[in-house]
Amino acid sequence: MNVKINYQKELEKLIDSFKDGEKVPTLILHSCCAPCSSYVLEYLSEFFKITVFYYNPNIYPETEYDYRVQEQKNLVSNLKTKYPIEFRQGVYDKENFYSLSKGLENIPEGGERCFKCYELRLRETGKYALENGFDYFTTTLTISPHKNSQKLNEIGGKVADELGIKYLYSDFKKKNGYRRSVELSNSYGLYRQDYCGCIFSKMEADKRRGESDEQK
């Protein structure tokens, strides 16, 4: 029987262990989009020097990808935080996403295809963190009520062990994190997409919309 871990409490324990006067730890934060990153940045920037790493080769179509990138840049520029936040953009190598999705195209959102996508993005973030001397890496993905935070943290820990770098365990939806992200999105006028990002999630969202329209 798998015991669920309260990753928010694990994060709070780590933060409580930081001592005043010590060097502020650096964090590379994988972000899926500006709205999800809003609360995470507000929260973690009190304790870390953060660089947002936008690596999402799953996003479809390319115009959507470009729009989400710009929204993320705008938020980083406008968000008021204790420590300044930097932004780095990964490569939009969408072929990697389609390669890992082969044979999994018809699996519903939240299944094995998503887990492979999580690992693709977390591994690239971990590599960037290692190559650039960051103390920790993590992702905004756990803020979503639609994402499997237990699986995300399991994958993040595995990648960290393999690369030899620290992963920041989290469950950002806790303590009203998701609700706060909605409030911040409204305050900053952020674009909130209605699908996760990939072509498969878009098809599912379009189907749900069509069924909803038919019921009206």
C-alpha atoms as a PDB file:
ATOM      1  CA  MET A   1       0.000   0.000   0.000  1.00  0.00           C
ATOM      2  CA  ASN A   2       1.439   3.359  -1.066  1.00  0.00           C
ATOM      3  CA  VAL A   3       1.394   6.029   1.635  1.00  0.00           C
ATOM      4  CA  LYS A   4       0.729   9.528   0.329  1.00  0.00           C
ATOM      5  CA  ILE A   5       3.340  12.046   1.372  1.00  0.00           C
ATOM      6  CA  ASN A   6       2.376  15.599   2.300  1.00  0.00           C
ATOM      7  CA  TYR A   7       4.904  17.354   0.082  1.00  0.00           C
ATOM      8  CA  GLN A   8       3.819  20.802   1.216  1.00  0.00           C
ATOM      9  CA  LYS A   9       4.879  19.924   4.759  1.00  0.00           C
ATOM     10  CA  GLU A  10       8.179  18.599   3.417  1.00  0.00           C
ATOM     11  CA  LEU A  11       8.740  21.923   1.659  1.00  0.00           C
ATOM     12  CA  GLU A  12       7.898  23.891   4.792  1.00  0.00           C
ATOM     13  CA  LYS A  13      10.367  21.814   6.832  1.00  0.00           C
ATOM     14  CA  LEU A  14      13.110  22.597   4.342  1.00  0.00           C
ATOM     15  CA  ILE A  15      12.339  26.307   4.335  1.00  0.00           C
ATOM     16  CA  ASP A  16      12.286  26.342   8.148  1.00  0.00           C
ATOM     17  CA  SER A  17      15.791  24.867   8.135  1.00  0.00           C
ATOM     18  CA  PHE A  18      17.197  27.897   6.317  1.00  0.00           C
ATOM     19  CA  LYS A  19      19.177  30.140   8.651  1.00  0.00           C
ATOM     20  CA  ASP A  20      19.172  33.937   8.611  1.00  0.00           C
ATOM     21  CA  GLY A  21      22.383  35.326   7.197  1.00  0.00           C
ATOM     22  CA  GLU A  22      23.141  32.248   5.111  1.00  0.00           C
ATOM     23  CA  LYS A  23      23.518  32.452   1.346  1.00  0.00           C
ATOM     24  CA  VAL A  24      20.101  32.570  -0.308  1.00  0.00           C
ATOM     25  CA  PRO A  25      19.673  29.280  -2.217  1.00  0.00           C
ATOM     26  CA  THR A  26      19.148  29.384  -5.970  1.00  0.00           C
ATOM     27  CA  LEU A  27      16.262  27.630  -7.671  1.00  0.00           C
ATOM     28  CA  ILE A  28      15.489  26.830 -11.263  1.00  0.00           C
ATOM     29  CA  LEU A  29      11.710  26.702 -11.572  1.00  0.00           C
ATOM     30  CA  HIS A  30      10.177  24.881 -14.500  1.00  0.00           C
ATOM     31  CA  SER A  31       7.012  26.752 -15.433  1.00  0.00           C
ATOM     32  CA  CYS A  32       4.187  25.425 -17.560  1.00  0.00           C
ATOM     33  CA  CYS A  33       2.475  28.827 -17.858  1.00  0.00           C
ATOM     34  CA  ALA A  34       2.242  32.262 -16.259  1.00  0.00           C
ATOM     35  CA  PRO A  35      -0.967  31.642 -14.254  1.00  0.00           C
ATOM     36  CA  CYS A  36       0.408  28.500 -12.595  1.00  0.00           C
ATOM     37  CA  SER A  37       3.714  30.214 -11.836  1.00  0.00           C
ATOM     38  CA  SER A  38       2.131  33.321 -10.287  1.00  0.00           C
ATOM     39  CA  TYR A  39       1.514  32.012  -6.771  1.00  0.00           C
ATOM     40  CA  VAL A  40       4.590  29.781  -6.856  1.00  0.00           C
ATOM     41  CA  LEU A  41       6.801  32.779  -7.621  1.00  0.00           C
ATOM     42  CA  GLU A  42       5.093  34.934  -5.009  1.00  0.00           C
ATOM     43  CA  TYR A  43       5.603  32.215  -2.398  1.00  0.00           C
ATOM     44  CA  LEU A  44       9.079  30.879  -3.176  1.00  0.00           C
ATOM     45  CA  SER A  45      10.720  34.204  -3.993  1.00  0.00           C
ATOM     46  CA  GLU A  46      10.671  34.969  -0.271  1.00  0.00           C
ATOM     47  CA  PHE A  47      13.213  32.190   0.254  1.00  0.00           C
ATOM     48  CA  PHE A  48      15.013  31.563  -3.055  1.00  0.00           C
ATOM     49  CA  LYS A  49      16.679  33.409  -5.895  1.00  0.00           C
ATOM     50  CA  ILE A  50      14.627  32.055  -8.782  1.00  0.00           C
ATOM     51  CA  THR A  51      15.189  31.611 -12.472  1.00  0.00           C
ATOM     52  CA  VAL A  52      12.064  30.599 -14.393  1.00  0.00           C
ATOM     53  CA  PHE A  53      12.833  27.940 -16.996  1.00  0.00           C
ATOM     54  CA  TYR A  54      10.206  27.726 -19.720  1.00  0.00           C
ATOM     55  CA  TYR A  55      10.609  24.312 -21.317  1.00  0.00           C
ATOM     56  CA  ASN A  56       7.349  22.946 -22.743  1.00  0.00           C
ATOM     57  CA  PRO A  57       7.786  21.182 -26.096  1.00  0.00           C
ATOM     58  CA  ASN A  58       4.339  19.657 -25.619  1.00  0.00           C
ATOM     59  CA  ILE A  59       2.487  22.929 -26.260  1.00  0.00           C
ATOM     60  CA  TYR A  60       0.319  22.977 -29.386  1.00  0.00           C
ATOM     61  CA  PRO A  61       0.018  24.871 -31.663  1.00  0.00           C
ATOM     62  CA  GLU A  62       3.182  26.962 -31.978  1.00  0.00           C
ATOM     63  CA  THR A  63       1.191  30.203 -31.799  1.00  0.00           C
ATOM     64  CA  GLU A  64      -0.115  29.051 -28.401  1.00  0.00           C
ATOM     65  CA  TYR A  65       3.428  28.283 -27.304  1.00  0.00           C
ATOM     66  CA  ASP A  66       4.643  31.748 -28.309  1.00  0.00           C
ATOM     67  CA  TYR A  67       1.728  33.409 -26.519  1.00  0.00           C
ATOM     68  CA  ARG A  68       2.357  31.514 -23.298  1.00  0.00           C
ATOM     69  CA  VAL A  69       6.046  32.417 -23.429  1.00  0.00           C
ATOM     70  CA  GLN A  70       5.213  36.104 -23.730  1.00  0.00           C
ATOM     71  CA  GLU A  71       2.708  35.925 -20.877  1.00  0.00           C
ATOM     72  CA  GLN A  72       5.391  34.314 -18.705  1.00  0.00           C
ATOM     73  CA  LYS A  73       7.921  37.019 -19.582  1.00  0.00           C
ATOM     74  CA  ASN A  74       5.384  39.738 -18.800  1.00  0.00           C
ATOM     75  CA  LEU A  75       4.622  38.258 -15.392  1.00  0.00           C
ATOM     76  CA  VAL A  76       8.298  37.929 -14.495  1.00  0.00           C
ATOM     77  CA  SER A  77       8.814  41.570 -15.450  1.00  0.00           C
ATOM     78  CA  ASN A  78       5.839  42.866 -13.472  1.00  0.00           C
ATOM     79  CA  LEU A  79       5.645  40.670 -10.386  1.00  0.00           C
ATOM     80  CA  LYS A  80       6.959  42.403  -7.280  1.00  0.00           C
ATOM     81  CA  THR A  81       9.174  40.035  -5.289  1.00  0.00           C
ATOM     82  CA  LYS A  82      11.800  40.136  -2.544  1.00  0.00           C
ATOM     83  CA  TYR A  83      14.531  38.842  -4.843  1.00  0.00           C
ATOM     84  CA  PRO A  84      14.635  39.551  -8.589  1.00  0.00           C
ATOM     85  CA  ILE A  85      13.468  36.751 -10.878  1.00  0.00           C
ATOM     86  CA  GLU A  86      15.215  35.814 -14.106  1.00  0.00           C
ATOM     87  CA  PHE A  87      13.777  34.083 -17.156  1.00  0.00           C
ATOM     88  CA  ARG A  88      15.296  31.467 -19.429  1.00  0.00           C
ATOM     89  CA  GLN A  89      13.608  29.805 -22.372  1.00  0.00           C
ATOM     90  CA  GLY A  90      14.318  26.212 -23.323  1.00  0.00           C
ATOM     91  CA  VAL A  91      14.267  24.787 -26.831  1.00  0.00           C
ATOM     92  CA  TYR A  92      10.880  24.161 -28.413  1.00  0.00           C
ATOM     93  CA  ASP A  93      11.857  20.651 -29.504  1.00  0.00           C
ATOM     94  CA  LYS A  94       8.351  19.354 -30.042  1.00  0.00           C
ATOM     95  CA  GLU A  95       9.660  16.281 -31.874  1.00  0.00           C
ATOM     96  CA  ASN A  96      10.764  14.932 -28.480  1.00  0.00           C
ATOM     97  CA  PHE A  97       7.228  15.159 -27.164  1.00  0.00           C
ATOM     98  CA  TYR A  98       5.682  13.457 -30.196  1.00  0.00           C
ATOM     99  CA  SER A  99       8.333  10.733 -30.038  1.00  0.00           C
ATOM    100  CA  LEU A 100       7.536   9.860 -26.417  1.00  0.00           C
ATOM    101  CA  SER A 101       3.797   9.983 -27.197  1.00  0.00           C
ATOM    102  CA  LYS A 102       3.935   7.270 -29.860  1.00  0.00           C
ATOM    103  CA  GLY A 103       1.510   4.502 -28.999  1.00  0.00           C
ATOM    104  CA  LEU A 104       0.011   6.589 -26.181  1.00  0.00           C
ATOM    105  CA  GLU A 105      -2.028   8.999 -28.274  1.00  0.00           C
ATOM    106  CA  ASN A 106      -5.400   7.620 -27.151  1.00  0.00           C
ATOM    107  CA  ILE A 107      -4.652   7.421 -23.439  1.00  0.00           C
ATOM    108  CA  PRO A 108      -6.826   9.913 -21.511  1.00  0.00           C
ATOM    109  CA  GLU A 109      -5.207  12.981 -20.004  1.00  0.00           C
ATOM    110  CA  GLY A 110      -3.587  12.256 -16.657  1.00  0.00           C
ATOM    111  CA  GLY A 111      -2.242   8.831 -17.677  1.00  0.00           C
ATOM    112  CA  GLU A 112       1.050   7.353 -18.839  1.00  0.00           C
ATOM    113  CA  ARG A 113       1.575   9.852 -21.664  1.00  0.00           C
ATOM    114  CA  CYS A 114       1.383  12.716 -19.161  1.00  0.00           C
ATOM    115  CA  PHE A 115       3.843  10.972 -16.830  1.00  0.00           C
ATOM    116  CA  LYS A 116       6.351  10.684 -19.663  1.00  0.00           C
ATOM    117  CA  CYS A 117       5.784  14.351 -20.478  1.00  0.00           C
ATOM    118  CA  TYR A 118       6.399  15.286 -16.829  1.00  0.00           C
ATOM    119  CA  GLU A 119       9.702  13.421 -16.912  1.00  0.00           C
ATOM    120  CA  LEU A 120      10.774  14.978 -20.213  1.00  0.00           C
ATOM    121  CA  ARG A 121      10.317  18.469 -18.810  1.00  0.00           C
ATOM    122  CA  LEU A 122      11.679  17.749 -15.336  1.00  0.00           C
ATOM    123  CA  ARG A 123      14.772  16.041 -16.729  1.00  0.00           C
ATOM    124  CA  GLU A 124      15.578  18.980 -18.986  1.00  0.00           C
ATOM    125  CA  THR A 125      15.065  21.355 -16.061  1.00  0.00           C
ATOM    126  CA  GLY A 126      17.299  19.243 -13.831  1.00  0.00           C
ATOM    127  CA  LYS A 127      20.031  19.189 -16.479  1.00  0.00           C
ATOM    128  CA  TYR A 128      19.843  22.961 -16.831  1.00  0.00           C
ATOM    129  CA  ALA A 129      20.048  23.350 -13.057  1.00  0.00           C
ATOM    130  CA  LEU A 130      23.081  21.064 -12.846  1.00  0.00           C
ATOM    131  CA  GLU A 131      24.914  22.669 -15.753  1.00  0.00           C
ATOM    132  CA  ASN A 132      24.352  26.168 -14.381  1.00  0.00           C
ATOM    133  CA  GLY A 133      25.119  25.562 -10.717  1.00  0.00           C
ATOM    134  CA  PHE A 134      21.657  25.914  -9.159  1.00  0.00           C
ATOM    135  CA  ASP A 135      21.028  24.561  -5.674  1.00  0.00           C
ATOM    136  CA  TYR A 136      17.548  23.168  -6.433  1.00  0.00           C
ATOM    137  CA  PHE A 137      15.105  22.566  -9.248  1.00  0.00           C
ATOM    138  CA  THR A 138      11.339  22.087  -9.210  1.00  0.00           C
ATOM    139  CA  THR A 139       8.172  22.672 -11.242  1.00  0.00           C
ATOM    140  CA  THR A 140       4.985  24.687 -11.009  1.00  0.00           C
ATOM    141  CA  LEU A 141       2.960  21.692 -12.209  1.00  0.00           C
ATOM    142  CA  THR A 142       1.929  20.570  -8.718  1.00  0.00           C
ATOM    143  CA  ILE A 143      -0.260  23.659  -8.331  1.00  0.00           C
ATOM    144  CA  SER A 144      -2.842  22.246 -10.725  1.00  0.00           C
ATOM    145  CA  PRO A 145      -5.719  20.268  -9.204  1.00  0.00           C
ATOM    146  CA  HIS A 146      -5.655  18.246 -12.438  1.00  0.00           C
ATOM    147  CA  LYS A 147      -2.043  17.091 -12.037  1.00  0.00           C
ATOM    148  CA  ASN A 148      -0.856  14.087 -10.028  1.00  0.00           C
ATOM    149  CA  SER A 149       1.440  15.716  -7.459  1.00  0.00           C
ATOM    150  CA  GLN A 150       2.498  12.371  -5.969  1.00  0.00           C
ATOM    151  CA  LYS A 151       3.667  11.204  -9.393  1.00  0.00           C
ATOM    152  CA  LEU A 152       5.316  14.521 -10.182  1.00  0.00           C
ATOM    153  CA  ASN A 153       7.342  14.436  -6.973  1.00  0.00           C
ATOM    154  CA  GLU A 154       8.235  10.787  -7.516  1.00  0.00           C
ATOM    155  CA  ILE A 155       9.566  11.622 -10.984  1.00  0.00           C
ATOM    156  CA  GLY A 156      11.339  14.752  -9.743  1.00  0.00           C
ATOM    157  CA  GLY A 157      13.075  12.767  -6.996  1.00  0.00           C
ATOM    158  CA  LYS A 158      14.127  10.058  -9.434  1.00  0.00           C
ATOM    159  CA  VAL A 159      15.577  12.599 -11.878  1.00  0.00           C
ATOM    160  CA  ALA A 160      17.391  14.375  -9.024  1.00  0.00           C
ATOM    161  CA  ASP A 161      18.975  11.122  -7.833  1.00  0.00           C
ATOM    162  CA  GLU A 162      20.101  10.231 -11.333  1.00  0.00           C
ATOM    163  CA  LEU A 163      21.584  13.667 -12.029  1.00  0.00           C
ATOM    164  CA  GLY A 164      23.007  14.291  -8.556  1.00  0.00           C
ATOM    165  CA  ILE A 165      21.133  17.516  -7.795  1.00  0.00           C
ATOM    166  CA  LYS A 166      18.469  18.504  -5.250  1.00  0.00           C
ATOM    167  CA  TYR A 167      14.801  18.468  -6.181  1.00  0.00           C
ATOM    168  CA  LEU A 168      12.455  20.779  -4.289  1.00  0.00           C
ATOM    169  CA  TYR A 169       9.476  18.640  -3.324  1.00  0.00           C
ATOM    170  CA  SER A 170       6.178  20.519  -3.404  1.00  0.00           C
ATOM    171  CA  ASP A 171       2.424  20.487  -3.611  1.00  0.00           C
ATOM    172  CA  PHE A 172       1.708  24.114  -4.407  1.00  0.00           C
ATOM    173  CA  LYS A 173      -2.064  23.658  -4.565  1.00  0.00           C
ATOM    174  CA  LYS A 174      -2.050  23.240  -0.760  1.00  0.00           C
ATOM    175  CA  LYS A 175      -2.658  26.221   1.535  1.00  0.00           C
ATOM    176  CA  ASN A 176      -5.030  27.678  -1.091  1.00  0.00           C
ATOM    177  CA  GLY A 177      -2.193  27.971  -3.578  1.00  0.00           C
ATOM    178  CA  TYR A 178      -4.382  27.287  -6.588  1.00  0.00           C
ATOM    179  CA  ARG A 179      -6.988  29.804  -5.455  1.00  0.00           C
ATOM    180  CA  ARG A 180      -4.273  32.411  -4.967  1.00  0.00           C
ATOM    181  CA  SER A 181      -2.971  31.732  -8.484  1.00  0.00           C
ATOM    182  CA  VAL A 182      -6.444  32.517  -9.836  1.00  0.00           C
ATOM    183  CA  GLU A 183      -6.526  35.764  -7.845  1.00  0.00           C
ATOM    184  CA  LEU A 184      -3.077  36.786  -9.112  1.00  0.00           C
ATOM    185  CA  SER A 185      -4.023  35.866 -12.673  1.00  0.00           C
ATOM    186  CA  ASN A 186      -6.983  38.210 -12.428  1.00  0.00           C
ATOM    187  CA  SER A 187      -4.881  40.956 -10.840  1.00  0.00           C
ATOM    188  CA  TYR A 188      -2.256  40.818 -13.597  1.00  0.00           C
ATOM    189  CA  GLY A 189      -4.740  40.145 -16.406  1.00  0.00           C
ATOM    190  CA  LEU A 190      -3.097  36.847 -17.330  1.00  0.00           C
ATOM    191  CA  TYR A 191      -4.355  34.626 -20.107  1.00  0.00           C
ATOM    192  CA  ARG A 192      -5.732  31.424 -18.558  1.00  0.00           C
ATOM    193  CA  GLN A 193      -5.827  28.669 -21.170  1.00  0.00           C
ATOM    194  CA  ASP A 194      -8.640  26.094 -21.141  1.00  0.00           C
ATOM    195  CA  TYR A 195      -6.444  23.067 -21.907  1.00  0.00           C
ATOM    196  CA  CYS A 196      -3.171  21.771 -20.508  1.00  0.00           C
ATOM    197  CA  GLY A 197      -1.170  22.413 -23.643  1.00  0.00           C
ATOM    198  CA  CYS A 198      -0.622  19.428 -25.908  1.00  0.00           C
ATOM    199  CA  ILE A 199      -2.666  18.531 -28.977  1.00  0.00           C
ATOM    200  CA  PHE A 200      -4.225  15.601 -27.129  1.00  0.00           C
ATOM    201  CA  SER A 201      -5.442  17.721 -24.221  1.00  0.00           C
ATOM    202  CA  LYS A 202      -6.741  20.291 -26.706  1.00  0.00           C
ATOM    203  CA  MET A 203      -8.734  17.590 -28.491  1.00  0.00           C
ATOM    204  CA  GLU A 204     -10.205  16.452 -25.162  1.00  0.00           C
ATOM    205  CA  ALA A 205     -11.103  20.052 -24.237  1.00  0.00           C
ATOM    206  CA  ASP A 206     -12.676  20.649 -27.660  1.00  0.00           C
ATOM    207  CA  LYS A 207     -14.726  17.467 -27.265  1.00  0.00           C
ATOM    208  CA  ARG A 208     -15.937  18.524 -23.800  1.00  0.00           C
ATOM    209  CA  ARG A 209     -16.902  21.926 -25.181  1.00  0.00           C
ATOM    210  CA  GLY A 210     -18.812  20.331 -28.029  1.00  0.00           C
ATOM    211  CA  GLU A 211     -20.705  18.043 -25.675  1.00  0.00           C
ATOM    212  CA  SER A 212     -21.502  20.974 -23.414  1.00  0.00           C
ATOM    213  CA  ASP A 213     -22.794  23.025 -26.364  1.00  0.00           C
ATOM    214  CA  GLU A 214     -25.030  20.149 -27.444  1.00  0.00           C
ATOM    215  CA  GLN A 215     -26.615  20.016 -23.975  1.00  0.00           C
ATOM    216  CA  LYS A 216     -27.586  23.703 -24.009  1.00  0.00           C
END
